[in-house]
Amino acid sequence: MVNATKYRAGHGLAGLALVALVWGASGCNGYNEVLKSTDPEYKLERAIGFIDSSQCYGALMVLEDLMNLTRGTSQGREVQYHHARAQYCLGDYYLARYYFKQFARTYPDDVRSEQAQFDAAMCSYRLSPGPSLDQTETRTAIEELQLFMDTYPGSPLRDSCQTLVDNLREKLERKSFETAAHYHQIEQYKSATIALRQALKDFPDSPYREEIQWLILDSHFQYAQQSTERRKLERYNEAIEAFLSFVARYPDSRYSDRAQRIHEVCVSEVVRLKETTPAESL
């Protein structure tokens, strides 16, 4: 039916009411005639044609009518499959996912079962939001695409699935980075160091790794600056350790000059604090 390169963003549901009005008022492309027909084969043929020509609302109405007419018959399988397609055509990815999965479960031996499972995973992919939002659907999509690849290791759709999984993981990496970096932006430096280190742990090959390491260094430094005199020595030393780790990994970083200035301040402060702090307190 469809492959990953042919999926469109879908028709937004916001315009569905307008589409319904147009269909209802004009009976476009024989819509009313099709609905009134008592020939299931004719209605199914026309519904498939509606989907293929992106007349999604009309296809859905005809197919929902057909579901009642063909329940328990051999034609019911065809209607169920194309009903899921119509939901996808409309951009209702929650319902489309449900019906594609239902079809694959009900007819596991059908030649289209593999495609239906891929289409269900594609619905989850379409439901994945932008990086700034909750990523539950993104993780669901990764799980479903991975399950598809495990179930059908020889599928011609495997490469498409892997590309989609890579796209979704990049989104999770960006979400992890932006969430951690936000703590630095709002000057919650202790939380920033924790979140940034977790981001590196979760995504060790993150494309944001250099910036994350820089923000860890700067967060340690800013946190030391904000600390009481009693805690500054320990925290400046932590900033120095973060600096050494940073320059070892990125000796030619675009942040090198700023990192070097931070290091100089930290070393100077450590010397000062050791000179002014009683030995028993060190």
Protein backbone atom coordinates (compact mmCIF):
# COMPACT_ATOMS: atom_id res chain seq x y z
CA MET A 1 0.00 0.00 0.00
CA VAL A 2 2.49 2.59 1.17
CA ASN A 3 6.14 2.88 1.94
CA ALA A 4 8.05 5.30 4.16
CA THR A 5 9.01 7.61 1.32
CA LYS A 6 5.40 8.07 0.22
CA TYR A 7 3.90 8.98 3.57
CA ARG A 8 2.58 12.48 3.67
CA ALA A 9 2.03 14.57 6.73
CA GLY A 10 -1.66 13.70 6.39
CA HIS A 11 -4.71 15.88 6.36
CA GLY A 12 -5.13 17.94 9.49
CA LEU A 13 -8.26 17.21 11.46
CA ALA A 14 -8.82 20.93 11.91
CA GLY A 15 -10.16 21.11 8.37
CA LEU A 16 -12.36 18.05 8.67
CA ALA A 17 -15.55 19.97 9.38
CA LEU A 18 -15.05 22.06 6.24
CA VAL A 19 -14.42 18.93 4.18
CA ALA A 20 -17.61 17.38 5.55
CA LEU A 21 -19.61 20.44 4.56
CA VAL A 22 -18.24 20.34 1.03
CA TRP A 23 -19.01 16.66 0.66
CA GLY A 24 -22.44 16.93 2.16
CA ALA A 25 -23.45 19.96 0.14
CA SER A 26 -22.16 18.92 -3.27
CA GLY A 27 -22.22 15.13 -3.27
CA CYS A 28 -18.78 15.44 -4.86
CA ASN A 29 -17.70 12.66 -7.21
CA GLY A 30 -20.89 10.73 -6.73
CA TYR A 31 -20.52 10.47 -2.97
CA ASN A 32 -24.27 10.42 -2.30
CA GLU A 33 -24.78 7.92 -5.09
CA VAL A 34 -22.17 5.61 -3.57
CA LEU A 35 -23.67 5.83 -0.11
CA LYS A 36 -27.12 4.97 -1.44
CA SER A 37 -25.89 1.94 -3.37
CA THR A 38 -26.69 -1.53 -1.99
CA ASP A 39 -23.81 -3.19 -3.88
CA PRO A 40 -20.95 -3.81 -1.37
CA GLU A 41 -18.39 -4.55 -4.08
CA TYR A 42 -19.16 -1.32 -5.90
CA LYS A 43 -19.02 0.67 -2.68
CA LEU A 44 -15.67 -0.85 -1.69
CA GLU A 45 -14.21 -0.17 -5.12
CA ARG A 46 -15.32 3.46 -4.96
CA ALA A 47 -14.06 3.85 -1.38
CA ILE A 48 -10.61 2.63 -2.39
CA GLY A 49 -10.70 5.10 -5.26
CA PHE A 50 -11.59 7.89 -2.85
CA ILE A 51 -8.55 7.02 -0.69
CA ASP A 52 -6.23 6.86 -3.68
CA SER A 53 -7.40 10.30 -4.80
CA SER A 54 -7.13 11.72 -1.25
CA GLN A 55 -10.89 12.12 -0.86
CA CYS A 56 -10.45 10.83 2.65
CA TYR A 57 -13.67 11.89 4.31
CA GLY A 58 -15.84 10.34 1.62
CA ALA A 59 -13.85 7.10 1.78
CA LEU A 60 -14.30 6.90 5.54
CA MET A 61 -18.04 7.44 5.37
CA VAL A 62 -18.49 4.75 2.73
CA LEU A 63 -16.26 2.29 4.57
CA GLU A 64 -18.01 2.82 7.89
CA ASP A 65 -21.28 2.11 6.14
CA LEU A 66 -19.72 -1.00 4.61
CA MET A 67 -18.50 -2.26 7.97
CA ASN A 68 -22.10 -2.80 9.01
CA LEU A 69 -23.01 -4.42 5.69
CA THR A 70 -20.03 -6.81 5.54
CA ARG A 71 -19.61 -7.79 9.19
CA GLY A 72 -19.06 -11.56 9.35
CA THR A 73 -18.54 -11.91 5.59
CA SER A 74 -15.41 -12.61 3.56
CA GLN A 75 -15.48 -9.02 2.32
CA GLY A 76 -15.22 -7.76 5.89
CA ARG A 77 -11.45 -8.25 5.83
CA GLU A 78 -11.07 -5.90 2.85
CA VAL A 79 -13.27 -3.30 4.46
CA GLN A 80 -11.32 -3.40 7.74
CA TYR A 81 -8.00 -2.91 5.97
CA HIS A 82 -9.13 0.03 3.89
CA HIS A 83 -10.98 1.53 6.86
CA ALA A 84 -7.60 1.79 8.60
CA ARG A 85 -6.18 3.38 5.44
CA ALA A 86 -8.99 5.95 5.44
CA GLN A 87 -8.24 6.91 9.04
CA TYR A 88 -4.60 7.41 8.11
CA CYS A 89 -5.62 9.41 5.05
CA LEU A 90 -7.58 11.75 7.31
CA GLY A 91 -4.62 12.15 9.65
CA ASP A 92 -6.33 10.50 12.62
CA TYR A 93 -3.22 8.56 13.55
CA TYR A 94 -4.52 7.31 16.89
CA LEU A 95 -7.47 5.56 15.26
CA ALA A 96 -5.46 4.48 12.23
CA ARG A 97 -2.86 2.86 14.50
CA TYR A 98 -5.60 1.04 16.41
CA TYR A 99 -7.26 -0.31 13.25
CA PHE A 100 -4.00 -1.32 11.55
CA LYS A 101 -2.99 -3.26 14.66
CA GLN A 102 -6.42 -4.80 14.90
CA PHE A 103 -6.23 -5.94 11.28
CA ALA A 104 -2.77 -7.48 11.77
CA ARG A 105 -3.93 -9.32 14.90
CA THR A 106 -7.16 -10.53 13.31
CA TYR A 107 -5.58 -11.63 10.03
CA PRO A 108 -1.95 -12.56 10.78
CA ASP A 109 -1.75 -14.73 7.66
CA ASP A 110 -2.98 -12.01 5.33
CA VAL A 111 -0.39 -10.88 2.81
CA ARG A 112 -0.96 -7.29 4.03
CA SER A 113 -0.35 -8.05 7.71
CA GLU A 114 3.30 -6.97 7.45
CA GLN A 115 2.31 -3.72 5.76
CA ALA A 116 -0.40 -3.10 8.35
CA GLN A 117 2.09 -3.48 11.19
CA PHE A 118 4.47 -1.11 9.47
CA ASP A 119 1.64 1.36 8.91
CA ALA A 120 0.73 1.15 12.62
CA ALA A 121 4.32 1.98 13.52
CA MET A 122 4.23 4.84 11.03
CA CYS A 123 1.20 6.23 12.84
CA SER A 124 3.27 6.34 16.03
CA TYR A 125 6.04 8.04 14.09
CA ARG A 126 3.57 10.68 12.90
CA LEU A 127 2.34 11.18 16.48
CA SER A 128 5.84 11.93 17.75
CA PRO A 129 5.86 15.64 18.70
CA GLY A 130 8.56 18.27 18.48
CA PRO A 131 11.59 17.98 20.80
CA SER A 132 10.24 20.55 23.27
CA LEU A 133 7.19 18.41 24.13
CA ASP A 134 6.71 15.16 26.02
CA GLN A 135 8.39 12.32 24.14
CA THR A 136 6.24 9.37 25.20
CA GLU A 137 4.96 8.88 21.66
CA THR A 138 8.51 9.10 20.33
CA ARG A 139 9.60 6.23 22.55
CA THR A 140 6.51 4.26 21.56
CA ALA A 141 7.34 4.77 17.89
CA ILE A 142 10.92 3.57 18.40
CA GLU A 143 9.68 0.46 20.20
CA GLU A 144 7.15 -0.33 17.47
CA LEU A 145 9.57 0.23 14.61
CA GLN A 146 12.18 -1.89 16.37
CA LEU A 147 9.61 -4.63 16.95
CA PHE A 148 8.72 -4.54 13.26
CA MET A 149 12.38 -4.98 12.28
CA ASP A 150 12.77 -7.84 14.74
CA THR A 151 9.59 -9.52 13.46
CA TYR A 152 10.41 -9.03 9.77
CA PRO A 153 14.22 -9.00 9.52
CA GLY A 154 14.08 -9.56 5.75
CA SER A 155 11.44 -6.91 5.04
CA PRO A 156 12.17 -4.44 2.22
CA LEU A 157 10.88 -1.81 4.66
CA ARG A 158 13.68 -2.50 7.15
CA ASP A 159 16.00 0.25 5.88
CA SER A 160 13.15 2.75 6.01
CA CYS A 161 12.42 1.68 9.59
CA GLN A 162 16.03 2.15 10.62
CA THR A 163 16.10 5.63 9.13
CA LEU A 164 12.93 6.52 11.03
CA VAL A 165 14.35 5.13 14.28
CA ASP A 166 17.50 7.21 13.79
CA ASN A 167 15.36 10.32 13.27
CA LEU A 168 13.42 9.62 16.46
CA ARG A 169 16.54 9.00 18.50
CA GLU A 170 17.98 12.30 17.30
CA LYS A 171 14.83 13.93 18.61
CA LEU A 172 15.29 12.26 22.01
CA GLU A 173 18.91 13.39 22.07
CA ARG A 174 17.84 16.96 21.38
CA LYS A 175 15.13 16.78 24.03
CA SER A 176 17.62 15.47 26.59
CA PHE A 177 20.12 18.19 25.73
CA GLU A 178 17.60 21.04 25.75
CA THR A 179 16.10 19.94 29.06
CA ALA A 180 19.51 19.76 30.70
CA ALA A 181 20.70 23.02 29.15
CA HIS A 182 17.58 24.77 30.44
CA TYR A 183 18.81 24.32 34.02
CA HIS A 184 21.96 26.19 33.05
CA GLN A 185 19.92 28.95 31.41
CA ILE A 186 17.87 29.52 34.58
CA GLU A 187 21.03 29.41 36.72
CA GLN A 188 20.18 26.19 38.50
CA TYR A 189 23.77 25.07 38.19
CA LYS A 190 23.79 22.09 40.51
CA SER A 191 20.76 20.63 38.73
CA ALA A 192 22.40 21.48 35.42
CA THR A 193 25.51 19.41 36.14
CA ILE A 194 23.37 16.42 37.16
CA ALA A 195 21.08 16.65 34.11
CA LEU A 196 23.94 17.28 31.68
CA ARG A 197 25.89 14.26 32.94
CA GLN A 198 22.76 12.14 32.64
CA ALA A 199 22.32 13.33 29.06
CA LEU A 200 25.86 12.15 28.28
CA LYS A 201 25.17 8.83 29.97
CA ASP A 202 21.96 8.30 28.00
CA PHE A 203 23.46 9.43 24.67
CA PRO A 204 27.24 8.93 24.76
CA ASP A 205 27.52 9.64 21.03
CA SER A 206 25.32 12.74 21.17
CA PRO A 207 26.08 15.39 18.54
CA TYR A 208 25.74 17.88 21.42
CA ARG A 209 28.50 16.23 23.44
CA GLU A 210 31.01 19.08 23.15
CA GLU A 211 28.47 21.70 24.17
CA ILE A 212 27.27 19.48 27.03
CA GLN A 213 30.84 19.13 28.34
CA TRP A 214 31.29 22.89 28.10
CA LEU A 215 28.07 23.52 30.01
CA ILE A 216 29.16 21.04 32.70
CA LEU A 217 32.39 22.98 33.12
CA ASP A 218 30.65 26.35 33.22
CA SER A 219 27.97 25.02 35.60
CA HIS A 220 30.64 23.81 38.04
CA PHE A 221 32.33 27.20 37.83
CA GLN A 222 29.15 29.23 38.29
CA TYR A 223 28.08 26.98 41.16
CA ALA A 224 31.44 27.54 42.86
CA GLN A 225 31.08 31.30 42.37
CA GLN A 226 27.69 31.21 44.10
CA SER A 227 28.87 29.05 47.01
CA THR A 228 29.71 30.07 50.52
CA GLU A 229 33.39 30.50 51.39
CA ARG A 230 33.30 27.19 53.26
CA ARG A 231 32.29 25.26 50.11
CA LYS A 232 34.17 27.20 47.44
CA LEU A 233 37.47 25.32 47.64
CA GLU A 234 35.81 21.98 46.99
CA ARG A 235 33.71 23.35 44.15
CA TYR A 236 36.50 25.25 42.42
CA ASN A 237 38.48 22.02 42.45
CA GLU A 238 35.51 20.25 40.84
CA ALA A 239 35.47 22.95 38.17
CA ILE A 240 39.19 22.40 37.55
CA GLU A 241 38.56 18.67 37.11
CA ALA A 242 35.76 19.48 34.65
CA PHE A 243 38.16 21.78 32.77
CA LEU A 244 40.85 19.10 32.50
CA SER A 245 38.27 16.62 31.23
CA PHE A 246 36.98 19.15 28.70
CA VAL A 247 40.35 20.17 27.22
CA ALA A 248 41.50 16.55 27.05
CA ARG A 249 38.52 15.72 24.81
CA TYR A 250 38.28 19.00 22.91
CA PRO A 251 41.69 20.71 22.74
CA ASP A 252 40.60 22.85 19.78
CA SER A 253 37.09 23.63 20.96
CA ARG A 254 35.36 26.88 20.10
CA TYR A 255 34.94 27.23 23.86
CA SER A 256 38.68 26.90 24.56
CA ASP A 257 39.34 30.57 25.34
CA ARG A 258 36.42 30.81 27.74
CA ALA A 259 37.35 27.51 29.34
CA GLN A 260 40.92 28.71 29.83
CA ARG A 261 39.75 31.90 31.55
CA ILE A 262 37.56 29.84 33.87
CA HIS A 263 40.52 27.61 34.70
CA GLU A 264 42.70 30.61 35.53
CA VAL A 265 40.08 32.02 37.88
CA CYS A 266 39.59 28.63 39.53
CA VAL A 267 43.32 28.12 40.11
CA SER A 268 43.65 31.64 41.49
CA GLU A 269 40.71 31.09 43.84
CA VAL A 270 42.05 27.74 45.04
CA VAL A 271 45.38 29.39 45.89
CA ARG A 272 43.61 32.23 47.69
CA LEU A 273 41.36 29.92 49.67
CA LYS A 274 44.22 27.68 50.73
CA GLU A 275 46.12 30.73 51.95
CA THR A 276 43.19 32.14 53.90
CA THR A 277 41.63 28.92 55.21
CA PRO A 278 43.00 27.39 58.40
CA ALA A 279 44.84 24.12 57.72
CA GLU A 280 42.51 22.09 59.91
CA SER A 281 39.55 23.20 57.78
CA LEU A 282 41.06 22.02 54.48
